[in-house]
Amino acid sequence: MRKLIASFALGLAALGLLGVAHAQEVAASAPEIASAVEAVAAPAVAAAPEAASAAEAAPTPTVNKGDTAWMMVSTILVILMVVPGLALFYGGLVRSKNMLSVLMQVLVVFSLISVLWAAYGYSLAFGGAGTIIGDLSKAFLSGITPASMADTFTPDAKIPELIFVAFQCTFAGITCALIVGAFAERIKFGAVLLFSALWFTFSYLPIAHMVWGAGGYLLSKGALDFAGGTVVHINSAVAGLVGAYMVGKRIGYGRESFTPHSLTLTMVGASLLWVGWFGFNAGSALEANGSAALAFINTLLATAAAVLAWCVGEALFKGKASMLGAASGAVAGLVVITPACGSVGAMGAIVMGLIAGFICLWGVSGLKKMLGADDALDVFGIHGVGGIAGALLTGVFAAPGLGGTGAADFSISHQLLVQAEGVVITIVWSGIVAAICYKIVDLVIGLRVPEEEEREGLDITSHGETAYHK
């Protein structure tokens, strides 16, 4: 009987139906099988503390309400950057007869890209784990519900995937809207929309995936682009420069005055861009934490430094500091710090801002003359030059010895090579895709309005209304 009871206890212990300690107590009454019970029970006893510690080390991921609220605010701020911020900034820079055309192009391009983002853009940029592009597993936001969660940079902190979709949508929208400044005042409205759809599909989405998407080539190489120096600024600036060449110069360019019709509106637009950019940069932390705070202070300081540098540069080389220059300097500072805002220290941000103010001033004057393109609103001079400088300088000022957040073994030379590779890939990819897209648009509907329509102004000829009534 004693052997029968002991054997029964042994079976229960092996099946995990009886507590290990109790099984050992019963089995001890049968010395001849006690050793067998201990052999079965020992692994379970040893594994129990490890299982408990593993459970403690892997908390259940949950949506963080504070992070979610911050991401909603950030998304709204980026929308503020585009409409009305970018629209007014560009609108004030053109002649009054083309004011509404620029406002329309910015507003409608942003709206078009938002719809395309939901249809297939988000899926191709952030779905799957391809080297260059994602997949269509999330096309039309398939499978994304209010309960779906998106990762942040903290393993157990999540945000609703829907707000991540919306936040990234604003990035795609503003990138395409930035391009319109390069060929303002002479392009067909339909051509703008068709080009935007094509370029978004074949340039923005692959670059975004390579830099930010799972398995992306540049991400796997270790390229640093916190909020879009390559994805947004270099990408759009190159497309704009190609467009300036392919659409051609405005009638009278170089012979007539193309004075901005309202620097007041340009100043308002620049101010809204600065405010909205806090969502653009600090929101890219995806959490309301120290990383967001670092991006926030860097966005403030780099921009302020660039304003001062541009004003000093103008005073030295032109004799006077201008309002247009100060506003342009602000945008230059915002552009240069975008890829670096979460990786450099506050003093590094100030130095980057000072460099941006001077180098972008050269970009809209000396470099523009060298290139010979009618980049109407200096998209390449500011976003291209500032974006390239920011991407490269990130590889310098992210070093911990210079106040950055890089690892202890951070190598400036290695990171510079990685950053330079990202810059070159973006320039070549965007340039080739843009040239092909412009050519397709030209063959399908034509790029440029007739000469008489350009002279009359696009407000009336393209939209049948005027911004101002005398």
Protein backbone atom coordinates (compact mmCIF):
# COMPACT_ATOMS: atom_id res chain seq x y z
CA MET A 1 0.00 0.00 0.00
CA ARG A 2 2.82 2.39 0.88
CA LYS A 3 4.45 1.77 -2.52
CA LEU A 4 1.11 2.36 -4.26
CA ILE A 5 0.62 5.73 -2.51
CA ALA A 6 4.18 6.79 -3.28
CA SER A 7 3.83 5.85 -6.94
CA PHE A 8 0.58 7.85 -7.18
CA ALA A 9 2.29 10.89 -5.65
CA LEU A 10 5.15 10.56 -8.10
CA GLY A 11 2.76 10.62 -11.03
CA LEU A 12 0.99 13.72 -9.77
CA ALA A 13 4.29 15.52 -9.28
CA ALA A 14 5.41 14.69 -12.79
CA LEU A 15 2.13 15.94 -14.27
CA GLY A 16 2.24 19.14 -12.21
CA LEU A 17 -1.15 18.37 -10.62
CA LEU A 18 0.14 18.27 -7.07
CA GLY A 19 2.45 20.79 -5.37
CA VAL A 20 6.09 19.80 -5.50
CA ALA A 21 6.59 20.15 -1.77
CA HIS A 22 3.56 17.94 -0.99
CA ALA A 23 4.69 15.28 -3.45
CA GLN A 24 8.09 15.14 -1.79
CA GLU A 25 6.50 14.81 1.65
CA VAL A 26 4.36 11.85 0.56
CA ALA A 27 7.14 10.20 -1.39
CA ALA A 28 9.47 10.44 1.60
CA SER A 29 7.40 7.68 3.26
CA ALA A 30 8.74 5.32 0.60
CA PRO A 31 12.55 5.55 0.79
CA GLU A 32 13.02 3.32 -2.17
CA ILE A 33 11.42 5.88 -4.55
CA ALA A 34 12.13 9.18 -2.76
CA SER A 35 15.15 9.82 -4.92
CA ALA A 36 13.03 9.42 -8.05
CA VAL A 37 10.51 11.99 -6.78
CA GLU A 38 13.30 14.46 -6.08
CA ALA A 39 14.71 13.95 -9.56
CA VAL A 40 11.34 14.89 -11.08
CA ALA A 41 10.62 17.76 -8.71
CA ALA A 42 14.05 19.42 -8.70
CA PRO A 43 13.78 21.11 -12.14
CA ALA A 44 10.37 22.53 -11.30
CA VAL A 45 11.60 23.89 -7.98
CA ALA A 46 14.64 25.46 -9.62
CA ALA A 47 12.60 26.96 -12.47
CA ALA A 48 9.96 28.54 -10.23
CA PRO A 49 12.04 31.63 -9.18
CA GLU A 50 13.23 32.14 -12.77
CA ALA A 51 9.66 32.06 -14.10
CA ALA A 52 8.56 34.54 -11.45
CA SER A 53 11.40 36.95 -12.27
CA ALA A 54 10.69 36.62 -16.00
CA ALA A 55 7.05 37.54 -15.41
CA GLU A 56 8.15 40.59 -13.42
CA ALA A 57 10.66 41.64 -16.11
CA ALA A 58 8.09 41.53 -18.93
CA PRO A 59 5.13 43.73 -17.94
CA THR A 60 2.08 43.69 -20.16
CA PRO A 61 2.28 46.46 -22.78
CA THR A 62 -0.42 49.07 -22.27
CA VAL A 63 -1.43 52.32 -23.95
CA ASN A 64 0.05 55.27 -22.10
CA LYS A 65 -2.56 58.02 -21.86
CA GLY A 66 -0.04 60.82 -21.39
CA ASP A 67 1.95 59.77 -24.45
CA THR A 68 -1.26 59.42 -26.43
CA ALA A 69 -2.40 62.92 -25.48
CA TRP A 70 0.99 64.36 -26.44
CA MET A 71 0.91 62.61 -29.82
CA MET A 72 -2.54 64.00 -30.54
CA VAL A 73 -1.31 67.51 -29.74
CA SER A 74 1.82 66.97 -31.84
CA THR A 75 -0.25 65.84 -34.80
CA ILE A 76 -2.39 68.96 -34.55
CA LEU A 77 0.76 71.10 -34.37
CA VAL A 78 2.15 69.58 -37.56
CA ILE A 79 -1.14 70.27 -39.34
CA LEU A 80 -0.79 73.86 -38.11
CA MET A 81 2.61 73.93 -39.82
CA VAL A 82 1.05 73.15 -43.18
CA VAL A 83 -2.31 74.87 -43.13
CA PRO A 84 -2.06 77.71 -42.38
CA GLY A 85 1.69 77.94 -41.61
CA LEU A 86 3.40 76.87 -44.83
CA ALA A 87 0.53 78.18 -46.96
CA LEU A 88 0.87 81.70 -45.55
CA PHE A 89 4.67 81.62 -45.60
CA TYR A 90 4.66 80.74 -49.29
CA GLY A 91 1.63 82.87 -50.09
CA GLY A 92 3.22 86.06 -48.80
CA LEU A 93 6.33 85.46 -50.91
CA VAL A 94 4.59 85.34 -54.29
CA ARG A 95 3.01 88.21 -56.21
CA SER A 96 -0.55 89.09 -55.24
CA LYS A 97 -1.97 87.68 -58.48
CA ASN A 98 -0.75 84.20 -57.47
CA MET A 99 -1.58 84.26 -53.76
CA LEU A 100 -4.61 82.00 -53.89
CA SER A 101 -2.94 79.53 -56.24
CA VAL A 102 -0.23 78.83 -53.68
CA LEU A 103 -2.75 78.53 -50.85
CA MET A 104 -4.77 76.09 -52.96
CA GLN A 105 -1.76 74.01 -53.93
CA VAL A 106 -0.61 73.60 -50.32
CA LEU A 107 -4.09 72.84 -48.98
CA VAL A 108 -5.16 70.42 -51.71
CA VAL A 109 -1.82 68.60 -51.95
CA PHE A 110 -1.90 68.00 -48.21
CA SER A 111 -5.45 66.71 -48.48
CA LEU A 112 -4.63 64.44 -51.43
CA ILE A 113 -1.62 62.89 -49.72
CA SER A 114 -3.65 62.32 -46.54
CA VAL A 115 -6.13 60.17 -48.45
CA LEU A 116 -3.38 58.29 -50.31
CA TRP A 117 -1.60 57.71 -47.00
CA ALA A 118 -4.63 55.92 -45.60
CA ALA A 119 -5.17 53.97 -48.83
CA TYR A 120 -1.68 52.53 -49.23
CA GLY A 121 0.99 54.96 -48.03
CA TYR A 122 1.09 53.93 -44.39
CA SER A 123 1.24 50.27 -45.29
CA LEU A 124 4.11 50.69 -47.75
CA ALA A 125 6.07 52.91 -45.38
CA PHE A 126 5.52 51.05 -42.09
CA GLY A 127 4.05 47.68 -43.02
CA GLY A 128 6.30 44.65 -43.41
CA ALA A 129 10.06 44.59 -43.01
CA GLY A 130 11.50 45.11 -46.48
CA THR A 131 14.87 46.69 -47.14
CA ILE A 132 13.51 49.42 -49.43
CA ILE A 133 9.72 49.30 -49.14
CA GLY A 134 7.10 47.71 -46.94
CA ASP A 135 4.09 45.70 -48.07
CA LEU A 136 0.34 46.14 -48.52
CA SER A 137 -0.68 44.17 -45.44
CA LYS A 138 -2.17 47.34 -43.92
CA ALA A 139 -3.60 48.85 -47.10
CA PHE A 140 -6.76 50.87 -46.44
CA LEU A 141 -5.73 50.58 -42.76
CA SER A 142 -6.70 46.92 -42.78
CA GLY A 143 -6.57 45.35 -39.34
CA ILE A 144 -6.01 48.66 -37.55
CA THR A 145 -8.64 49.22 -34.88
CA PRO A 146 -8.99 51.49 -31.83
CA ALA A 147 -7.44 48.62 -29.86
CA SER A 148 -4.37 48.33 -32.11
CA MET A 149 -1.16 49.50 -30.47
CA ALA A 150 1.98 51.02 -32.00
CA ASP A 151 5.45 50.79 -30.51
CA THR A 152 7.30 53.69 -28.93
CA PHE A 153 10.95 53.73 -27.90
CA THR A 154 10.07 52.17 -24.54
CA PRO A 155 9.16 48.46 -24.75
CA ASP A 156 6.17 48.53 -22.41
CA ALA A 157 4.81 51.95 -23.46
CA LYS A 158 2.43 51.95 -26.40
CA ILE A 159 0.24 54.43 -28.21
CA PRO A 160 -2.86 53.73 -30.32
CA GLU A 161 -1.76 52.83 -33.83
CA LEU A 162 -4.40 55.16 -35.25
CA ILE A 163 -2.68 58.23 -33.80
CA PHE A 164 0.68 56.99 -35.13
CA VAL A 165 -0.94 56.69 -38.56
CA ALA A 166 -2.25 60.26 -38.28
CA PHE A 167 1.06 61.67 -37.04
CA GLN A 168 3.06 60.11 -39.86
CA CYS A 169 0.39 61.19 -42.34
CA THR A 170 1.14 64.83 -41.55
CA PHE A 171 4.82 64.26 -42.35
CA ALA A 172 3.98 62.86 -45.77
CA GLY A 173 1.59 65.72 -46.45
CA ILE A 174 3.95 68.54 -45.57
CA THR A 175 6.81 66.96 -47.53
CA CYS A 176 4.82 67.04 -50.76
CA ALA A 177 3.47 70.51 -50.00
CA LEU A 178 6.99 71.89 -49.54
CA ILE A 179 7.82 71.11 -53.17
CA VAL A 180 5.27 73.56 -54.61
CA GLY A 181 7.39 76.53 -53.60
CA ALA A 182 10.02 75.66 -56.18
CA PHE A 183 7.77 76.01 -59.22
CA ALA A 184 5.26 78.53 -57.87
CA GLU A 185 3.51 81.01 -60.18
CA ARG A 186 3.72 79.06 -63.44
CA ILE A 187 2.54 75.44 -63.10
CA LYS A 188 -0.85 73.89 -63.84
CA PHE A 189 -2.93 72.99 -60.81
CA GLY A 190 -3.68 69.51 -62.18
CA ALA A 191 0.02 68.97 -62.84
CA VAL A 192 0.82 69.72 -59.21
CA LEU A 193 -1.66 67.11 -58.01
CA LEU A 194 -0.63 64.38 -60.45
CA PHE A 195 3.07 64.92 -59.75
CA SER A 196 2.47 64.89 -55.99
CA ALA A 197 0.66 61.55 -56.16
CA LEU A 198 3.37 59.95 -58.30
CA TRP A 199 6.34 61.31 -56.36
CA PHE A 200 4.75 60.46 -53.02
CA THR A 201 4.34 56.86 -54.14
CA PHE A 202 7.77 56.30 -55.65
CA SER A 203 10.03 58.60 -53.65
CA TYR A 204 8.57 59.57 -50.29
CA LEU A 205 7.39 56.10 -49.31
CA PRO A 206 10.63 54.22 -50.11
CA ILE A 207 12.82 56.84 -48.40
CA ALA A 208 10.54 56.89 -45.34
CA HIS A 209 10.68 53.11 -45.10
CA MET A 210 14.45 52.96 -45.57
CA VAL A 211 14.97 55.49 -42.77
CA TRP A 212 12.18 54.63 -40.30
CA GLY A 213 10.53 51.36 -41.32
CA ALA A 214 11.29 47.92 -39.90
CA GLY A 215 14.13 46.35 -41.87
CA GLY A 216 14.81 49.62 -43.71
CA TYR A 217 18.25 49.84 -45.29
CA LEU A 218 19.36 53.13 -43.72
CA LEU A 219 17.82 52.26 -40.37
CA SER A 220 19.77 49.02 -40.26
CA LYS A 221 22.95 50.92 -41.18
CA GLY A 222 22.48 53.12 -38.12
CA ALA A 223 21.59 56.39 -39.88
CA LEU A 224 20.32 59.04 -37.46
CA ASP A 225 17.29 61.00 -38.62
CA PHE A 226 15.11 61.82 -35.64
CA ALA A 227 12.38 63.79 -37.41
CA GLY A 228 13.01 63.86 -41.15
CA GLY A 229 16.15 65.62 -42.39
CA THR A 230 16.47 63.14 -45.24
CA VAL A 231 12.89 61.91 -45.46
CA VAL A 232 11.28 65.34 -45.51
CA HIS A 233 13.71 68.15 -46.29
CA ILE A 234 16.38 66.75 -48.62
CA ASN A 235 13.78 64.57 -50.32
CA SER A 236 11.42 67.45 -51.10
CA ALA A 237 14.17 69.98 -51.87
CA VAL A 238 15.73 67.80 -54.56
CA ALA A 239 12.32 67.19 -56.13
CA GLY A 240 11.68 70.93 -56.07
CA LEU A 241 15.01 71.75 -57.70
CA VAL A 242 14.40 69.22 -60.48
CA GLY A 243 10.96 70.77 -60.95
CA ALA A 244 12.40 74.27 -61.20
CA TYR A 245 14.58 73.07 -64.07
CA MET A 246 11.90 71.05 -65.86
CA VAL A 247 9.04 73.54 -65.53
CA GLY A 248 11.33 76.38 -66.56
CA LYS A 249 11.85 79.92 -65.37
CA ARG A 250 9.03 82.39 -64.83
CA ILE A 251 8.39 84.90 -67.58
CA GLY A 252 10.57 87.93 -66.90
CA TYR A 253 12.82 86.11 -64.42
CA GLY A 254 16.06 88.04 -64.07
CA ARG A 255 14.58 91.10 -65.84
CA GLU A 256 11.52 91.97 -63.77
CA SER A 257 11.08 92.43 -60.04
CA PHE A 258 9.48 89.51 -58.21
CA THR A 259 8.97 91.26 -54.89
CA PRO A 260 6.97 89.37 -52.23
CA HIS A 261 3.55 90.94 -52.00
CA SER A 262 3.11 90.55 -48.22
CA LEU A 263 6.00 90.02 -45.85
CA THR A 264 3.47 90.41 -43.05
CA LEU A 265 1.82 87.15 -44.08
CA THR A 266 5.22 85.54 -44.55
CA MET A 267 6.13 86.49 -40.97
CA VAL A 268 2.85 85.05 -39.70
CA GLY A 269 3.49 81.86 -41.65
CA ALA A 270 7.06 81.55 -40.36
CA SER A 271 5.84 82.01 -36.80
CA LEU A 272 3.23 79.27 -37.23
CA LEU A 273 5.90 77.01 -38.70
CA TRP A 274 8.08 77.55 -35.63
CA VAL A 275 5.22 76.80 -33.25
CA GLY A 276 4.08 73.76 -35.20
CA TRP A 277 7.63 72.44 -35.51
CA PHE A 278 7.64 71.58 -31.80
CA GLY A 279 5.09 68.92 -32.63
CA PHE A 280 7.11 67.88 -35.68
CA ASN A 281 10.36 67.39 -33.73
CA ALA A 282 9.38 66.72 -30.12
CA GLY A 283 6.45 64.58 -31.27
CA SER A 284 8.91 62.29 -33.05
CA ALA A 285 9.96 61.01 -29.62
CA LEU A 286 6.53 59.29 -29.61
CA GLU A 287 6.44 59.77 -25.85
CA ALA A 288 6.09 62.64 -23.40
CA ASN A 289 9.49 62.13 -21.79
CA GLY A 290 13.05 63.42 -21.59
CA SER A 291 13.73 62.68 -25.25
CA ALA A 292 10.79 64.87 -26.25
CA ALA A 293 12.04 67.59 -23.90
CA LEU A 294 15.49 67.44 -25.51
CA ALA A 295 13.99 67.75 -29.00
CA PHE A 296 11.82 70.61 -27.73
CA ILE A 297 14.67 72.73 -26.32
CA ASN A 298 16.85 72.01 -29.35
CA THR A 299 14.09 73.17 -31.69
CA LEU A 300 13.84 76.42 -29.73
CA LEU A 301 17.55 77.16 -29.49
CA ALA A 302 18.70 76.14 -32.98
CA THR A 303 15.98 78.27 -34.57
CA ALA A 304 16.81 81.32 -32.49
CA ALA A 305 20.51 80.95 -33.29
CA ALA A 306 19.79 80.67 -37.02
CA VAL A 307 17.68 83.86 -36.97
CA LEU A 308 20.57 85.74 -35.40
CA ALA A 309 23.15 84.27 -37.77
CA TRP A 310 21.10 85.13 -40.88
CA CYS A 311 20.60 88.71 -39.67
CA VAL A 312 24.33 89.09 -38.99
CA GLY A 313 25.15 87.63 -42.39
CA GLU A 314 22.80 90.03 -44.16
CA ALA A 315 24.12 92.99 -42.21
CA LEU A 316 27.69 92.08 -43.13
CA PHE A 317 27.15 91.33 -46.82
CA LYS A 318 24.13 93.48 -47.71
CA GLY A 319 24.34 96.29 -45.19
CA LYS A 320 20.92 95.65 -43.61
CA ALA A 321 19.12 92.81 -41.89
CA SER A 322 15.70 92.17 -43.44
CA MET A 323 12.42 90.78 -42.16
CA LEU A 324 12.41 88.24 -44.98
CA GLY A 325 15.89 87.19 -43.95
CA ALA A 326 14.92 86.74 -40.31
CA ALA A 327 11.92 84.61 -41.27
CA SER A 328 14.05 82.57 -43.66
CA GLY A 329 16.66 82.14 -40.94
CA ALA A 330 14.02 80.73 -38.63
CA VAL A 331 13.05 78.12 -41.20
CA ALA A 332 16.72 77.31 -41.82
CA GLY A 333 17.25 76.65 -38.11
CA LEU A 334 14.18 74.47 -37.94
CA VAL A 335 15.35 72.46 -40.93
CA VAL A 336 18.92 71.90 -39.74
CA ILE A 337 17.93 70.67 -36.28
CA THR A 338 15.20 68.31 -37.52
CA PRO A 339 17.39 65.21 -38.00
CA ALA A 340 19.44 65.95 -34.88
CA CYS A 341 16.93 67.22 -32.34
CA GLY A 342 16.80 64.01 -30.31
CA SER A 343 20.49 63.20 -30.60
CA VAL A 344 22.44 66.37 -29.83
CA GLY A 345 22.80 68.52 -26.75
CA ALA A 346 21.48 72.05 -26.37
CA MET A 347 24.84 73.71 -27.06
CA GLY A 348 25.29 71.54 -30.15
CA ALA A 349 21.87 72.72 -31.33
CA ILE A 350 22.93 76.35 -31.00
CA VAL A 351 26.09 75.75 -33.03
CA MET A 352 24.07 73.92 -35.69
CA GLY A 353 21.63 76.83 -35.83
CA LEU A 354 24.43 79.36 -36.28
CA ILE A 355 25.92 77.29 -39.10
CA ALA A 356 22.51 76.96 -40.75
CA GLY A 357 21.88 80.70 -40.70
CA PHE A 358 25.06 81.45 -42.62
CA ILE A 359 25.08 78.46 -44.97
CA CYS A 360 21.42 78.80 -45.99
CA LEU A 361 21.92 82.53 -46.63
CA TRP A 362 24.59 81.44 -49.10
CA GLY A 363 22.20 78.79 -50.42
CA VAL A 364 19.55 81.32 -51.46
CA SER A 365 22.05 83.77 -52.92
CA GLY A 366 25.40 82.42 -54.11
CA LEU A 367 24.41 78.79 -54.66
CA LYS A 368 21.14 79.76 -56.34
CA LYS A 369 23.02 81.81 -58.92
CA MET A 370 25.45 78.96 -59.51
CA LEU A 371 22.62 76.49 -60.11
CA GLY A 372 20.82 78.85 -62.48
CA ALA A 373 17.37 77.51 -61.60
CA ASP A 374 14.28 79.60 -60.86
CA ASP A 375 13.60 78.01 -57.48
CA ALA A 376 10.88 80.56 -56.80
CA LEU A 377 10.65 80.32 -53.01
CA ASP A 378 14.12 78.91 -52.29
CA VAL A 379 13.06 75.39 -51.44
CA PHE A 380 16.48 73.93 -52.20
CA GLY A 381 18.44 76.85 -50.79
CA ILE A 382 16.84 76.40 -47.37
CA HIS A 383 15.45 72.87 -47.13
CA GLY A 384 18.08 71.24 -49.32
CA VAL A 385 21.16 73.01 -47.98
CA GLY A 386 19.84 73.05 -44.41
CA GLY A 387 18.74 69.43 -44.59
CA ILE A 388 22.12 68.24 -45.90
CA ALA A 389 23.99 70.26 -43.29
CA GLY A 390 21.71 68.95 -40.53
CA ALA A 391 22.08 65.33 -41.57
CA LEU A 392 25.87 65.55 -41.64
CA LEU A 393 26.23 67.63 -38.48
CA THR A 394 24.10 65.10 -36.64
CA GLY A 395 26.98 62.68 -37.11
CA VAL A 396 29.24 65.14 -35.31
CA PHE A 397 27.21 66.61 -32.47
CA ALA A 398 25.56 63.34 -31.46
CA ALA A 399 28.94 62.40 -29.97
CA PRO A 400 28.72 62.21 -26.15
CA GLY A 401 31.92 64.24 -25.85
CA LEU A 402 30.07 67.12 -27.55
CA GLY A 403 26.95 66.78 -25.43
CA GLY A 404 25.12 64.31 -27.65
CA THR A 405 23.27 61.15 -26.73
CA GLY A 406 25.50 58.73 -28.66
CA ALA A 407 26.90 55.60 -27.06
CA ALA A 408 30.23 55.65 -25.21
CA ASP A 409 31.97 54.07 -28.21
CA PHE A 410 30.42 56.59 -30.65
CA SER A 411 32.68 57.25 -33.65
CA ILE A 412 32.23 60.57 -35.42
CA SER A 413 34.04 59.42 -38.55
CA HIS A 414 31.95 56.25 -38.84
CA GLN A 415 28.68 58.07 -38.20
CA LEU A 416 29.56 60.76 -40.72
CA LEU A 417 30.02 58.10 -43.38
CA VAL A 418 26.65 56.58 -42.53
CA GLN A 419 24.97 60.00 -42.59
CA ALA A 420 26.63 60.87 -45.89
CA GLU A 421 25.37 57.61 -47.41
CA GLY A 422 21.84 58.51 -46.37
CA VAL A 423 22.19 61.97 -47.92
CA VAL A 424 23.53 60.60 -51.23
CA ILE A 425 20.86 57.91 -51.48
CA THR A 426 18.10 60.45 -50.84
CA ILE A 427 19.45 62.95 -53.38
CA VAL A 428 19.90 60.37 -56.13
CA TRP A 429 16.62 58.54 -55.47
CA SER A 430 14.49 61.67 -55.21
CA GLY A 431 16.16 63.31 -58.20
CA ILE A 432 15.67 60.38 -60.55
CA VAL A 433 12.10 59.69 -59.43
CA ALA A 434 11.18 63.38 -59.66
CA ALA A 435 12.55 63.70 -63.21
CA ILE A 436 10.56 60.68 -64.35
CA CYS A 437 7.39 61.88 -62.63
CA TYR A 438 7.64 65.38 -64.12
CA LYS A 439 8.13 63.88 -67.57
CA ILE A 440 5.07 61.66 -67.18
CA VAL A 441 2.97 64.61 -66.06
CA ASP A 442 4.23 66.71 -68.95
CA LEU A 443 3.28 64.00 -71.43
CA VAL A 444 -0.15 63.42 -69.90
CA ILE A 445 -1.46 66.91 -69.10
CA GLY A 446 1.45 69.31 -69.49
CA LEU A 447 3.38 71.08 -66.74
CA ARG A 448 3.09 74.75 -67.48
CA VAL A 449 0.24 77.17 -68.00
CA PRO A 450 0.15 79.19 -71.25
CA GLU A 451 2.09 82.47 -71.28
CA GLU A 452 -1.01 84.67 -71.23
CA GLU A 453 -2.38 82.86 -68.18
CA GLU A 454 0.91 83.23 -66.36
CA ARG A 455 0.98 86.94 -67.06
CA GLU A 456 -2.60 87.40 -65.84
CA GLY A 457 -1.97 85.37 -62.72
CA LEU A 458 -2.96 81.89 -61.63
CA ASP A 459 -5.58 83.07 -59.15
CA ILE A 460 -7.94 84.10 -61.92
CA THR A 461 -6.89 81.73 -64.69
CA SER A 462 -6.67 78.55 -62.59
CA HIS A 463 -9.22 79.17 -59.86
CA GLY A 464 -11.51 81.97 -61.05
CA GLU A 465 -11.07 84.19 -58.01
CA THR A 466 -8.70 86.76 -56.52
CA ALA A 467 -7.13 87.11 -53.11
CA TYR A 468 -7.71 90.87 -52.96
CA HIS A 469 -10.43 93.15 -54.33
CA LYS A 470 -9.43 96.73 -55.01
